[in-house]
Amino acid sequence: MENRELFASITTVPPVIVRLDGRAFHRLAHMLGLVKPFDVRFSHAMAAVCRSLLADSGLAPEFAYTFSDEISLYLPKLAFSGRVEKIDSVAASFAASALTLSLECAEPIAFDARVIPATPEYTVGYLANRQDEAWRNHVNAYCQQALVAEGMKPRQAAVRLKGMPSQQLHEMMHTRGVNLAKTPAWQRRGVLVYKKSAEKDGYNPVTKENVKAVRSSVVVENNLPLFTAPEGQAFLKKLVGCP
């Protein structure tokens, strides 16, 4: 019988980026009573999802970058023979399940997913772009919440802020006692969850010798450098293996 599954045969080659976005998370935030503009419990839950994706999903991403309800995974090797439909569906469903468990949520949670063909060099620029988006999201979240706290409806606040220059947004918050450049780094620059190798002392019981062993651990970095700065560029290039 003719295979009628749409797109089932589409494959890709590594490396790729898989970007996950939360669906209708504004409703989830309301239901869970999350603190606005940023909730540390939610950030920790998203980092926990990233840890699970790295360690337990079977996709074996090298690292995950997250801010707000978005996660970007870097996959230098591909499961499922590179089948895009499988990678997307497993990544989205696993993330949704992991976040449900982390938040102890009684309502369904959903992510969508897309596969982005990449190279190490492209990934450096991609991450800088997503961190820029994290900054814009951070500024808008603070400004919108300030207006809502003063009595505006969310839609009215969004209309008021639309097209407002960055300097004006900064000044708006400064007059309310908030320096946006001094807010916690995880709010401004996102969070990176990655595998880090370290050499440790060990003992070989067979040869009865002290040996050096390389151990890998998953690290959550909440204090990231600015990815467009020289320090941040060097950090990213080392992360993805660029010369």
Protein backbone atom coordinates (compact mmCIF):
# COMPACT_ATOMS: atom_id res chain seq x y z
CA MET A 1 0.00 0.00 0.00
CA GLU A 2 1.24 3.46 -0.86
CA ASN A 3 2.70 5.32 2.11
CA ARG A 4 0.39 8.28 2.70
CA GLU A 5 2.23 9.78 5.69
CA LEU A 6 2.98 13.41 4.83
CA PHE A 7 6.63 14.54 5.15
CA ALA A 8 7.63 11.24 6.82
CA SER A 9 10.59 10.78 4.48
CA ILE A 10 12.13 14.26 4.89
CA THR A 11 15.59 13.97 6.44
CA THR A 12 18.38 16.36 7.35
CA VAL A 13 22.08 16.13 8.11
CA PRO A 14 23.91 17.36 11.21
CA PRO A 15 24.49 19.72 12.80
CA VAL A 16 21.03 21.20 13.30
CA ILE A 17 19.33 23.50 15.76
CA VAL A 18 15.92 22.50 17.10
CA ARG A 19 13.94 25.46 18.40
CA LEU A 20 11.06 24.82 20.78
CA ASP A 21 8.44 27.45 21.59
CA GLY A 22 5.77 27.21 24.27
CA ARG A 23 2.18 27.31 23.03
CA ALA A 24 -0.30 29.58 24.86
CA PHE A 25 2.06 29.98 27.82
CA HIS A 26 0.34 33.21 28.85
CA ARG A 27 -2.57 31.01 29.96
CA LEU A 28 -0.15 28.70 31.76
CA ALA A 29 1.44 31.67 33.56
CA HIS A 30 -1.98 32.85 34.73
CA MET A 31 -3.00 29.38 35.87
CA LEU A 32 0.21 28.86 37.88
CA GLY A 33 0.21 32.38 39.30
CA LEU A 34 3.71 33.10 38.00
CA VAL A 35 5.39 36.30 39.16
CA LYS A 36 5.62 38.99 36.48
CA PRO A 37 7.62 40.10 34.62
CA PHE A 38 9.93 37.13 35.44
CA ASP A 39 9.40 34.14 37.68
CA VAL A 40 12.51 32.38 39.00
CA ARG A 41 10.59 29.15 39.58
CA PHE A 42 9.61 29.02 35.91
CA SER A 43 13.19 29.77 34.82
CA HIS A 44 14.48 26.93 36.99
CA ALA A 45 11.82 24.63 35.52
CA MET A 46 12.88 25.50 31.96
CA ALA A 47 16.51 24.84 32.89
CA ALA A 48 15.44 21.48 34.32
CA VAL A 49 13.72 20.68 31.02
CA CYS A 50 16.96 21.50 29.20
CA ARG A 51 18.92 19.20 31.52
CA SER A 52 16.46 16.39 30.80
CA LEU A 53 16.66 16.99 27.06
CA LEU A 54 20.45 16.70 27.22
CA ALA A 55 20.52 13.65 29.49
CA ASP A 56 17.36 11.63 28.87
CA SER A 57 15.56 12.48 25.62
CA GLY A 58 17.61 10.27 23.31
CA LEU A 59 18.26 13.29 21.05
CA ALA A 60 21.68 13.91 22.67
CA PRO A 61 21.94 17.67 22.11
CA GLU A 62 25.30 19.20 22.97
CA PHE A 63 23.70 22.19 24.69
CA ALA A 64 20.44 24.10 25.13
CA TYR A 65 19.90 27.86 25.28
CA THR A 66 16.67 29.07 26.86
CA PHE A 67 14.84 32.28 27.67
CA SER A 68 11.17 32.96 28.33
CA ASP A 69 9.27 29.95 26.88
CA GLU A 70 11.85 29.21 24.17
CA ILE A 71 14.54 26.51 23.99
CA SER A 72 17.18 26.10 21.28
CA LEU A 73 18.97 22.74 21.10
CA TYR A 74 22.24 22.14 19.22
CA LEU A 75 22.48 18.63 17.76
CA PRO A 76 25.90 17.72 16.27
CA LYS A 77 24.62 14.15 15.75
CA LEU A 78 21.13 13.05 14.80
CA ALA A 79 18.86 10.30 16.06
CA PHE A 80 16.17 8.64 13.90
CA SER A 81 18.41 8.72 10.81
CA GLY A 82 17.87 12.47 10.65
CA ARG A 83 14.09 12.24 10.09
CA VAL A 84 12.81 15.78 10.65
CA GLU A 85 9.29 14.72 11.61
CA LYS A 86 10.62 12.37 14.32
CA ILE A 87 13.12 14.87 15.72
CA ASP A 88 10.47 17.61 15.92
CA SER A 89 7.77 15.45 17.50
CA VAL A 90 10.06 13.80 20.07
CA ALA A 91 11.70 17.09 21.09
CA ALA A 92 8.36 18.89 21.53
CA SER A 93 6.59 16.05 23.34
CA PHE A 94 9.53 15.33 25.64
CA ALA A 95 9.90 19.01 26.57
CA ALA A 96 6.17 19.30 27.30
CA SER A 97 6.22 16.23 29.52
CA ALA A 98 9.37 17.34 31.34
CA LEU A 99 7.96 20.81 32.04
CA THR A 100 4.66 19.35 33.23
CA LEU A 101 6.54 17.23 35.77
CA SER A 102 8.87 20.06 36.81
CA LEU A 103 6.00 22.49 37.44
CA GLU A 104 3.70 19.78 38.85
CA CYS A 105 1.10 21.12 36.45
CA ALA A 106 -2.38 19.58 36.24
CA GLU A 107 -3.16 21.11 32.83
CA PRO A 108 -1.71 20.10 29.44
CA ILE A 109 1.44 21.90 28.27
CA ALA A 110 2.49 22.08 24.61
CA PHE A 111 5.55 23.13 22.62
CA ASP A 112 5.96 23.45 18.87
CA ALA A 113 9.29 22.59 17.26
CA ARG A 114 11.23 23.31 14.09
CA VAL A 115 14.53 22.01 12.71
CA ILE A 116 17.06 24.56 11.45
CA PRO A 117 20.02 23.33 9.35
CA ALA A 118 23.20 24.80 10.81
CA THR A 119 26.98 24.91 10.82
CA PRO A 120 29.15 25.78 13.83
CA GLU A 121 29.73 29.25 12.36
CA TYR A 122 26.01 29.78 11.75
CA THR A 123 25.22 28.66 15.28
CA VAL A 124 27.43 31.38 16.77
CA GLY A 125 25.42 34.04 14.93
CA TYR A 126 22.14 32.29 15.70
CA LEU A 127 22.79 32.30 19.44
CA ALA A 128 23.79 35.97 19.37
CA ASN A 129 20.50 36.68 17.57
CA ARG A 130 18.44 34.72 20.11
CA GLN A 131 20.18 36.51 22.98
CA ASP A 132 19.29 39.83 21.35
CA GLU A 133 15.68 38.61 21.30
CA ALA A 134 15.99 37.66 24.99
CA TRP A 135 17.03 41.25 25.73
CA ARG A 136 14.09 42.69 23.75
CA ASN A 137 11.72 40.31 25.51
CA HIS A 138 13.20 41.38 28.87
CA VAL A 139 12.73 45.10 28.18
CA ASN A 140 9.19 44.70 26.88
CA ALA A 141 8.19 42.41 29.77
CA TYR A 142 9.30 44.95 32.38
CA CYS A 143 7.65 47.87 30.59
CA GLN A 144 4.36 46.09 29.93
CA GLN A 145 4.11 44.84 33.50
CA ALA A 146 4.80 48.37 34.80
CA LEU A 147 1.92 49.78 32.76
CA VAL A 148 -0.42 46.94 33.75
CA ALA A 149 0.46 47.49 37.42
CA GLU A 150 -0.56 51.13 36.95
CA GLY A 151 -4.01 50.15 35.69
CA MET A 152 -3.68 49.55 31.95
CA LYS A 153 -5.14 46.48 30.26
CA PRO A 154 -2.46 44.18 28.72
CA ARG A 155 -3.60 44.97 25.17
CA GLN A 156 -3.55 48.71 25.86
CA ALA A 157 -0.04 48.41 27.28
CA ALA A 158 1.15 46.50 24.21
CA VAL A 159 -0.26 49.18 21.90
CA ARG A 160 1.35 51.93 24.00
CA LEU A 161 4.79 50.26 23.83
CA LYS A 162 4.70 49.29 20.15
CA GLY A 163 7.38 51.14 18.20
CA MET A 164 8.72 52.97 21.24
CA PRO A 165 12.51 53.57 20.90
CA SER A 166 14.81 51.54 23.17
CA GLN A 167 16.11 54.64 24.93
CA GLN A 168 12.58 55.72 25.76
CA LEU A 169 11.78 52.28 27.19
CA HIS A 170 14.88 52.46 29.38
CA GLU A 171 13.93 55.92 30.57
CA MET A 172 10.39 54.78 31.28
CA MET A 173 11.66 52.12 33.68
CA HIS A 174 14.37 54.36 35.11
CA THR A 175 11.71 56.84 36.25
CA ARG A 176 10.03 53.92 38.01
CA GLY A 177 13.19 52.98 39.85
CA VAL A 178 14.35 50.07 37.66
CA ASN A 179 17.69 50.02 35.84
CA LEU A 180 17.17 47.43 33.11
CA ALA A 181 20.93 46.96 32.71
CA LYS A 182 21.19 45.84 36.34
CA THR A 183 18.45 43.22 36.43
CA PRO A 184 19.53 39.57 36.93
CA ALA A 185 21.63 38.23 34.04
CA TRP A 186 19.34 35.26 33.43
CA GLN A 187 16.50 37.68 32.67
CA ARG A 188 18.59 39.79 30.28
CA ARG A 189 20.78 37.18 28.58
CA GLY A 190 19.06 33.83 28.99
CA VAL A 191 20.36 30.56 30.39
CA LEU A 192 22.71 28.00 28.83
CA VAL A 193 22.67 24.32 29.78
CA TYR A 194 25.65 22.42 28.40
CA LYS A 195 27.94 19.45 28.86
CA LYS A 196 31.28 20.17 30.47
CA SER A 197 34.18 17.74 30.72
CA ALA A 198 36.64 17.79 33.60
CA GLU A 199 39.65 15.68 34.47
CA LYS A 200 39.47 13.98 37.85
CA ASP A 201 41.73 11.71 39.87
CA GLY A 202 40.70 8.07 39.80
CA TYR A 203 41.95 4.62 40.68
CA ASN A 204 42.27 1.55 38.44
CA PRO A 205 41.61 -1.51 40.62
CA VAL A 206 43.01 -3.85 37.96
CA THR A 207 46.40 -2.20 37.57
CA LYS A 208 46.27 -0.74 41.09
CA GLU A 209 47.36 2.61 39.75
CA ASN A 210 46.17 6.15 40.23
CA VAL A 211 44.82 7.43 36.92
CA LYS A 212 43.28 10.51 35.38
CA ALA A 213 39.68 10.12 34.24
CA VAL A 214 37.56 12.49 32.17
CA ARG A 215 34.05 12.98 33.53
CA SER A 216 31.22 14.84 31.82
CA SER A 217 28.59 16.79 33.73
CA VAL A 218 25.65 19.00 32.77
CA VAL A 219 26.17 22.63 33.78
CA VAL A 220 23.50 25.35 34.09
CA GLU A 221 25.00 28.79 33.40
CA ASN A 222 22.83 31.68 34.60
CA ASN A 223 25.43 34.40 34.20
CA LEU A 224 26.24 34.42 30.51
CA PRO A 225 28.46 36.93 28.73
CA LEU A 226 27.05 39.18 26.03
CA PHE A 227 27.28 36.99 22.93
CA THR A 228 28.07 39.90 20.59
CA ALA A 229 31.04 41.01 22.73
CA PRO A 230 34.54 39.54 22.19
CA GLU A 231 34.27 37.50 25.40
CA GLY A 232 30.91 36.11 24.33
CA GLN A 233 32.10 35.32 20.80
CA ALA A 234 35.09 33.41 22.18
CA PHE A 235 32.78 31.52 24.56
CA LEU A 236 30.41 30.50 21.75
CA LYS A 237 33.18 29.48 19.36
CA LYS A 238 34.65 27.19 21.98
CA LEU A 239 31.19 25.80 22.72
CA VAL A 240 30.51 24.79 19.10
CA GLY A 241 34.09 23.97 18.15
CA CYS A 242 34.78 26.87 15.78
CA PRO A 243 38.45 27.70 15.09
